[in-house]
N, C-alpha and C. Protein backbone atom coordinates (compact mmCIF):
# COMPACT_ATOMS: atom_id res chain seq x y z
N MET A 1 -4.07 -51.08 -1.58
CA MET A 1 -3.50 -52.48 -1.54
C MET A 1 -4.33 -52.98 -2.41
N SER A 2 -3.61 -53.80 -3.32
CA SER A 2 -4.08 -55.10 -4.44
C SER A 2 -4.76 -56.13 -3.85
N GLU A 3 -5.98 -56.82 -4.41
CA GLU A 3 -6.79 -58.07 -4.15
C GLU A 3 -5.82 -59.16 -4.18
N ILE A 4 -5.83 -60.11 -3.41
CA ILE A 4 -5.22 -61.17 -3.84
C ILE A 4 -6.17 -62.65 -4.05
N ASN A 5 -5.96 -63.53 -4.51
CA ASN A 5 -6.54 -64.81 -4.66
C ASN A 5 -6.49 -65.35 -3.53
N PHE A 6 -7.67 -66.38 -3.05
CA PHE A 6 -7.58 -67.13 -1.74
C PHE A 6 -6.40 -68.16 -1.84
N SER A 7 -5.69 -68.57 -3.04
CA SER A 7 -4.86 -69.30 -3.46
C SER A 7 -3.60 -68.67 -2.71
N ASP A 8 -3.38 -67.30 -3.03
CA ASP A 8 -2.19 -66.34 -2.53
C ASP A 8 -2.22 -66.76 -1.08
N PHE A 9 -3.52 -66.53 -0.68
CA PHE A 9 -3.44 -66.38 0.87
C PHE A 9 -3.29 -67.72 1.48
N LEU A 10 -3.52 -68.83 0.78
CA LEU A 10 -2.87 -70.10 1.23
C LEU A 10 -1.71 -70.07 1.09
N LYS A 11 -1.01 -69.41 0.63
CA LYS A 11 0.89 -69.74 0.28
C LYS A 11 1.44 -69.44 1.78
N ILE A 12 0.59 -68.49 2.54
CA ILE A 12 1.30 -67.98 3.73
C ILE A 12 1.10 -68.81 4.57
N ASP A 13 2.05 -69.29 5.44
CA ASP A 13 1.94 -70.22 6.70
C ASP A 13 1.97 -69.70 8.12
N VAL A 14 0.48 -69.38 8.63
CA VAL A 14 0.74 -68.60 9.59
C VAL A 14 0.30 -69.55 10.79
N ARG A 15 1.37 -69.75 11.74
CA ARG A 15 1.04 -70.81 12.74
C ARG A 15 1.09 -70.08 14.32
N VAL A 16 0.62 -70.91 15.17
CA VAL A 16 0.72 -70.52 16.76
C VAL A 16 1.81 -71.15 17.74
N GLY A 17 2.89 -70.26 18.16
CA GLY A 17 3.98 -70.80 18.71
C GLY A 17 3.87 -70.02 20.38
N THR A 18 4.79 -70.87 21.06
CA THR A 18 4.95 -70.13 22.59
C THR A 18 6.30 -69.79 22.48
N ILE A 19 6.50 -68.53 23.11
CA ILE A 19 7.87 -68.17 23.05
C ILE A 19 8.78 -68.97 24.57
N ALA A 20 9.76 -69.42 23.90
CA ALA A 20 10.71 -70.24 24.47
C ALA A 20 11.69 -69.50 25.46
N ARG A 21 12.12 -68.38 24.79
CA ARG A 21 13.18 -67.67 25.53
C ARG A 21 13.16 -66.18 24.61
N ALA A 22 13.42 -65.23 25.35
CA ALA A 22 13.65 -64.26 25.01
C ALA A 22 15.02 -63.22 25.41
N GLU A 23 15.82 -62.42 24.26
CA GLU A 23 17.14 -61.66 25.01
C GLU A 23 16.77 -60.36 24.62
N ALA A 24 17.60 -59.72 24.96
CA ALA A 24 17.80 -58.26 24.65
C ALA A 24 18.75 -58.81 23.48
N PHE A 25 18.76 -57.65 22.39
CA PHE A 25 19.31 -57.63 21.12
C PHE A 25 20.04 -55.98 20.88
N PRO A 26 20.99 -55.81 21.64
CA PRO A 26 21.55 -54.45 21.82
C PRO A 26 22.34 -53.78 20.47
N GLU A 27 22.46 -54.85 19.60
CA GLU A 27 22.94 -54.75 18.39
C GLU A 27 22.05 -54.15 17.31
N ALA A 28 21.12 -54.36 17.47
CA ALA A 28 19.63 -53.99 16.61
C ALA A 28 19.76 -52.42 16.48
N ARG A 29 19.35 -52.05 15.06
CA ARG A 29 19.35 -50.68 14.91
C ARG A 29 18.60 -50.00 15.73
N ARG A 30 17.28 -50.44 15.73
CA ARG A 30 16.21 -50.03 16.78
C ARG A 30 15.82 -51.26 17.74
N PRO A 31 15.53 -50.48 18.99
CA PRO A 31 15.22 -51.21 20.34
C PRO A 31 14.62 -52.56 19.78
N ALA A 32 15.25 -53.94 19.99
CA ALA A 32 14.40 -55.23 19.79
C ALA A 32 14.72 -56.33 20.90
N TYR A 33 14.14 -57.47 20.46
CA TYR A 33 14.52 -58.17 21.23
C TYR A 33 14.93 -59.87 20.32
N LYS A 34 15.40 -60.71 20.87
CA LYS A 34 15.64 -61.95 20.10
C LYS A 34 14.55 -63.08 20.79
N LEU A 35 13.72 -63.54 19.59
CA LEU A 35 12.91 -64.39 20.50
C LEU A 35 13.01 -66.15 19.94
N TRP A 36 13.13 -66.91 20.68
CA TRP A 36 13.00 -68.34 20.23
C TRP A 36 11.53 -68.74 20.35
N VAL A 37 10.92 -69.10 19.31
CA VAL A 37 9.46 -69.96 19.45
C VAL A 37 9.41 -71.33 19.41
N ASP A 38 8.70 -71.68 20.05
CA ASP A 38 8.34 -73.03 19.81
C ASP A 38 6.98 -73.50 19.09
N PHE A 39 7.57 -74.05 17.98
CA PHE A 39 6.07 -74.46 16.98
C PHE A 39 5.53 -75.85 17.04
N GLY A 40 6.07 -76.50 18.26
CA GLY A 40 5.66 -78.07 18.25
C GLY A 40 6.76 -78.79 17.34
N PRO A 41 6.23 -80.29 17.38
CA PRO A 41 7.33 -81.33 16.62
C PRO A 41 7.13 -80.75 15.40
N GLU A 42 6.18 -80.67 14.63
CA GLU A 42 6.29 -80.69 13.24
C GLU A 42 7.32 -79.27 12.39
N ILE A 43 7.30 -78.43 13.75
CA ILE A 43 8.25 -77.24 12.76
C ILE A 43 9.62 -77.18 13.70
N GLY A 44 9.29 -77.16 15.29
CA GLY A 44 10.41 -77.04 16.24
C GLY A 44 10.49 -75.59 16.24
N GLU A 45 11.64 -75.36 16.96
CA GLU A 45 11.74 -73.91 17.28
C GLU A 45 12.50 -73.34 16.64
N CYS A 46 11.91 -72.15 16.34
CA CYS A 46 12.73 -71.24 15.26
C CYS A 46 13.00 -69.69 15.97
N LYS A 47 13.97 -68.83 15.41
CA LYS A 47 14.14 -67.49 16.36
C LYS A 47 13.69 -66.54 15.11
N THR A 48 13.77 -65.44 16.11
CA THR A 48 13.51 -64.10 15.24
C THR A 48 13.90 -62.63 16.15
N SER A 49 13.94 -61.59 15.44
CA SER A 49 13.89 -60.46 16.36
C SER A 49 12.68 -59.81 16.01
N ALA A 50 12.21 -58.84 17.05
CA ALA A 50 10.93 -58.46 17.57
C ALA A 50 11.24 -57.06 17.94
N GLN A 51 10.81 -55.81 17.34
CA GLN A 51 10.94 -54.46 17.92
C GLN A 51 9.29 -54.47 18.67
N ILE A 52 9.63 -54.93 19.90
CA ILE A 52 8.31 -55.06 20.98
C ILE A 52 8.73 -54.45 22.14
N THR A 53 9.56 -53.49 22.24
CA THR A 53 10.51 -53.49 23.70
C THR A 53 9.55 -52.59 24.43
N ARG A 54 8.63 -51.57 23.53
CA ARG A 54 8.20 -50.35 24.44
C ARG A 54 6.81 -51.19 25.03
N ASN A 55 6.13 -52.22 24.37
CA ASN A 55 4.83 -52.69 25.05
C ASN A 55 5.81 -54.14 25.95
N TYR A 56 6.38 -54.83 25.96
CA TYR A 56 6.64 -56.30 26.74
C TYR A 56 8.37 -55.60 27.40
N SER A 57 8.09 -56.57 28.54
CA SER A 57 9.76 -56.63 28.82
C SER A 57 9.94 -57.95 28.65
N LEU A 58 11.58 -58.19 28.70
CA LEU A 58 12.01 -59.53 28.71
C LEU A 58 11.38 -60.55 29.26
N ASP A 59 10.98 -60.42 30.86
CA ASP A 59 10.44 -61.42 31.89
C ASP A 59 9.05 -61.85 31.62
N GLU A 60 8.25 -61.05 30.81
CA GLU A 60 7.24 -61.72 30.62
C GLU A 60 6.90 -61.92 29.06
N LEU A 61 7.72 -62.24 28.41
CA LEU A 61 7.65 -63.05 27.15
C LEU A 61 7.82 -64.49 26.95
N PRO A 62 8.60 -65.21 28.00
CA PRO A 62 8.55 -66.83 28.09
C PRO A 62 7.10 -67.17 28.30
N GLY A 63 6.57 -68.40 27.55
CA GLY A 63 5.26 -68.73 27.57
C GLY A 63 4.23 -68.18 27.11
N ARG A 64 4.54 -66.84 26.68
CA ARG A 64 3.48 -66.17 25.91
C ARG A 64 3.11 -66.96 24.58
N GLN A 65 1.90 -66.98 24.13
CA GLN A 65 1.70 -67.93 22.72
C GLN A 65 1.60 -66.34 21.77
N VAL A 66 2.23 -66.60 20.67
CA VAL A 66 2.36 -65.69 19.33
C VAL A 66 1.56 -66.33 18.01
N VAL A 67 1.50 -65.34 17.10
CA VAL A 67 0.92 -65.94 15.58
C VAL A 67 2.20 -65.41 14.76
N ALA A 68 2.91 -66.28 13.89
CA ALA A 68 3.79 -65.96 13.18
C ALA A 68 3.82 -66.37 11.81
N VAL A 69 4.34 -66.02 10.82
CA VAL A 69 4.66 -66.34 9.38
C VAL A 69 5.73 -67.39 9.86
N VAL A 70 5.67 -68.54 9.17
CA VAL A 70 6.70 -69.44 9.52
C VAL A 70 7.36 -69.91 8.14
N ASN A 71 6.80 -69.85 6.71
CA ASN A 71 7.34 -69.90 5.48
C ASN A 71 8.12 -68.99 4.76
N PHE A 72 8.50 -67.77 5.65
CA PHE A 72 9.47 -66.57 4.39
C PHE A 72 11.16 -67.36 4.85
N PRO A 73 11.46 -66.94 3.70
CA PRO A 73 13.10 -67.24 3.72
C PRO A 73 13.79 -66.57 4.79
N PRO A 74 14.52 -67.14 5.55
CA PRO A 74 15.57 -66.41 6.49
C PRO A 74 16.18 -64.92 5.74
N LYS A 75 15.94 -64.48 7.00
CA LYS A 75 16.56 -63.00 7.01
C LYS A 75 17.94 -62.54 8.03
N GLN A 76 19.01 -62.16 7.54
CA GLN A 76 19.94 -61.77 8.24
C GLN A 76 19.64 -60.34 8.90
N ILE A 77 19.65 -60.38 10.01
CA ILE A 77 19.20 -58.76 10.64
C ILE A 77 20.64 -58.69 11.68
N GLY A 78 21.80 -57.98 11.29
CA GLY A 78 23.12 -57.87 11.83
C GLY A 78 23.66 -59.49 12.02
N LYS A 79 24.03 -59.62 13.10
CA LYS A 79 24.55 -60.76 13.38
C LYS A 79 23.82 -61.92 13.56
N PHE A 80 22.29 -61.70 13.30
CA PHE A 80 21.37 -62.35 13.94
C PHE A 80 20.58 -63.08 12.69
N MET A 81 20.32 -64.36 12.67
CA MET A 81 19.56 -64.87 11.48
C MET A 81 17.88 -65.11 12.07
N SER A 82 17.13 -64.29 11.03
CA SER A 82 15.72 -64.41 11.52
C SER A 82 15.12 -65.62 10.88
N GLU A 83 14.13 -66.16 11.28
CA GLU A 83 13.51 -67.54 10.37
C GLU A 83 11.97 -67.16 10.52
N ILE A 84 11.38 -66.43 11.24
CA ILE A 84 10.39 -66.29 11.07
C ILE A 84 9.78 -64.76 11.11
N LEU A 85 8.56 -64.52 11.24
CA LEU A 85 7.86 -63.35 11.23
C LEU A 85 6.81 -63.02 12.30
N VAL A 86 7.17 -62.75 13.79
CA VAL A 86 5.86 -62.62 14.27
C VAL A 86 5.04 -61.44 14.18
N LEU A 87 4.03 -61.86 14.20
CA LEU A 87 2.78 -60.61 13.67
C LEU A 87 2.49 -59.83 14.96
N GLY A 88 2.07 -58.46 14.64
CA GLY A 88 1.62 -57.85 15.55
C GLY A 88 0.56 -56.83 14.69
N VAL A 89 0.25 -55.68 15.53
CA VAL A 89 -0.53 -54.37 14.94
C VAL A 89 -0.13 -53.50 15.95
N PRO A 90 -0.13 -52.10 15.46
CA PRO A 90 0.27 -50.95 15.79
C PRO A 90 -1.13 -50.43 17.04
N ASP A 91 -0.13 -50.30 18.37
CA ASP A 91 -1.20 -49.72 19.24
C ASP A 91 -1.34 -48.02 18.79
N SER A 92 -2.39 -47.32 19.75
CA SER A 92 -2.50 -45.73 19.41
C SER A 92 -0.96 -44.96 19.30
N GLU A 93 -0.13 -45.66 19.73
CA GLU A 93 1.15 -44.79 19.53
C GLU A 93 2.03 -45.55 18.71
N GLY A 94 1.40 -46.23 17.64
CA GLY A 94 2.39 -47.06 16.59
C GLY A 94 3.27 -48.25 16.89
N GLU A 95 3.17 -48.39 18.27
CA GLU A 95 4.18 -49.29 18.99
C GLU A 95 3.47 -50.98 18.56
N VAL A 96 4.08 -51.79 18.27
CA VAL A 96 3.92 -53.28 18.13
C VAL A 96 2.98 -53.99 19.24
N MET A 97 1.93 -54.34 19.24
CA MET A 97 1.33 -55.37 20.09
C MET A 97 0.93 -56.73 19.40
N LEU A 98 1.40 -57.87 19.81
CA LEU A 98 1.53 -58.84 19.48
C LEU A 98 0.38 -59.51 19.50
N LEU A 99 0.18 -60.25 18.04
CA LEU A 99 -1.23 -61.04 17.73
C LEU A 99 -1.02 -62.39 18.40
N GLN A 100 -1.91 -62.85 19.54
CA GLN A 100 -1.96 -63.98 20.13
C GLN A 100 -3.39 -64.43 20.25
N PRO A 101 -3.40 -65.67 20.51
CA PRO A 101 -4.88 -66.36 20.68
C PRO A 101 -5.36 -65.93 22.20
N THR A 102 -6.81 -66.15 22.24
CA THR A 102 -7.42 -65.29 23.37
C THR A 102 -7.38 -66.67 24.37
N ALA A 103 -6.93 -67.72 24.13
CA ALA A 103 -6.70 -68.83 24.81
C ALA A 103 -5.79 -69.83 24.39
N GLY A 104 -5.50 -70.83 25.39
CA GLY A 104 -4.03 -71.64 24.91
C GLY A 104 -4.69 -72.71 23.78
N VAL A 105 -3.53 -72.98 22.93
CA VAL A 105 -3.77 -74.01 22.13
C VAL A 105 -2.46 -74.49 21.29
N PRO A 106 -2.65 -75.68 20.96
CA PRO A 106 -1.25 -76.34 20.86
C PRO A 106 -0.38 -75.67 19.78
N ASN A 107 0.81 -75.74 20.03
CA ASN A 107 1.90 -75.41 19.34
C ASN A 107 1.67 -75.77 17.90
N GLY A 108 1.96 -74.83 16.83
CA GLY A 108 1.87 -75.37 15.58
C GLY A 108 0.76 -75.21 14.68
N GLY A 109 -0.59 -74.90 15.59
CA GLY A 109 -1.89 -75.01 15.26
C GLY A 109 -1.83 -73.67 13.87
N ARG A 110 -2.32 -73.95 12.58
CA ARG A 110 -2.52 -73.19 11.42
C ARG A 110 -3.18 -72.75 11.53
N LEU A 111 -3.32 -71.19 11.01
CA LEU A 111 -4.23 -70.04 11.04
C LEU A 111 -5.18 -70.44 9.58
N TYR A 112 -6.35 -70.56 10.15
CA TYR A 112 -7.41 -70.87 8.84
C TYR A 112 -8.69 -69.91 8.78
């Protein structure tokens, strides 16, 4: 992996938001959910899809805080337009574990 400058890092807008709702995404090629994430009044609610079905059930996602990149261009995923990228890391089996604050923080807080 190549090095980047600190100014490159500052171009990535990573924020905390709370999942407002989650739905199944049966049209996705790989098992996934549709997520609507609230980033507070400055950014508002954004949607995305996430391949997190192995570690999370639909009913446990609303109310969970997550960390996401909010300044990527929208990406069409099937019939669904993804507006953000929710961040995660692989568990021991290579399945996504969501990144989240260890304590509640205000929606819209920027990573620094």
